[in-house]
Amino acid sequence: MRAKLVLAAAEGLANAAIARELNGSVNMLRKWRGRRFAFGGLKT
């Protein structure tokens, strides 16, 4: 699920849209998005 979350975020999808798609919470997505950017993120 984390990989799908990161890939969806890299595509520019909103947290709410990703949460609906992956049946997760917006707070969980914020946490993982924060980690992604804290460590340099993905090269786009």
Protein backbone atom coordinates (compact mmCIF):
# COMPACT_ATOMS: atom_id res chain seq x y z
CA MET A 1 0.00 0.00 0.00
CA ARG A 2 2.84 2.43 0.78
CA ALA A 3 4.29 2.06 -2.69
CA LYS A 4 0.91 2.77 -4.29
CA LEU A 5 0.51 5.79 -2.03
CA VAL A 6 3.90 7.22 -2.97
CA LEU A 7 3.33 6.61 -6.69
CA ALA A 8 -0.11 8.26 -6.58
CA ALA A 9 1.34 11.23 -4.69
CA ALA A 10 4.13 11.51 -7.26
CA GLU A 11 1.45 11.74 -9.96
CA GLY A 12 0.04 14.74 -8.12
CA LEU A 13 -3.20 13.23 -6.81
CA ALA A 14 -4.75 14.91 -3.79
CA ASN A 15 -4.61 13.23 -0.38
CA ALA A 16 -8.39 12.76 -0.29
CA ALA A 17 -8.42 11.09 -3.71
CA ILE A 18 -5.62 8.72 -2.73
CA ALA A 19 -7.35 7.91 0.57
CA ARG A 20 -10.56 6.98 -1.26
CA GLU A 21 -8.70 4.87 -3.80
CA LEU A 22 -6.62 2.97 -1.23
CA ASN A 23 -9.24 2.86 1.55
CA GLY A 24 -6.92 4.75 3.89
CA SER A 25 -7.17 7.88 5.97
CA VAL A 26 -6.08 11.35 4.95
CA ASN A 27 -3.98 11.60 8.13
CA MET A 28 -2.06 8.44 7.16
CA LEU A 29 -1.39 9.94 3.74
CA ARG A 30 -0.14 13.20 5.22
CA LYS A 31 2.26 11.25 7.40
CA TRP A 32 3.68 9.25 4.48
CA ARG A 33 3.83 12.25 2.19
CA GLY A 34 5.78 14.10 4.86
CA ARG A 35 8.25 11.24 5.09
CA ARG A 36 8.65 11.15 1.33
CA PHE A 37 9.61 14.82 1.17
CA ALA A 38 11.73 14.64 4.33
CA PHE A 39 14.06 12.12 2.66
CA GLY A 40 14.32 13.77 -0.72
CA GLY A 41 11.32 12.08 -2.34
CA LEU A 42 11.14 10.65 -5.79
CA LYS A 43 12.75 12.25 -8.80
CA THR A 44 10.04 13.36 -11.21
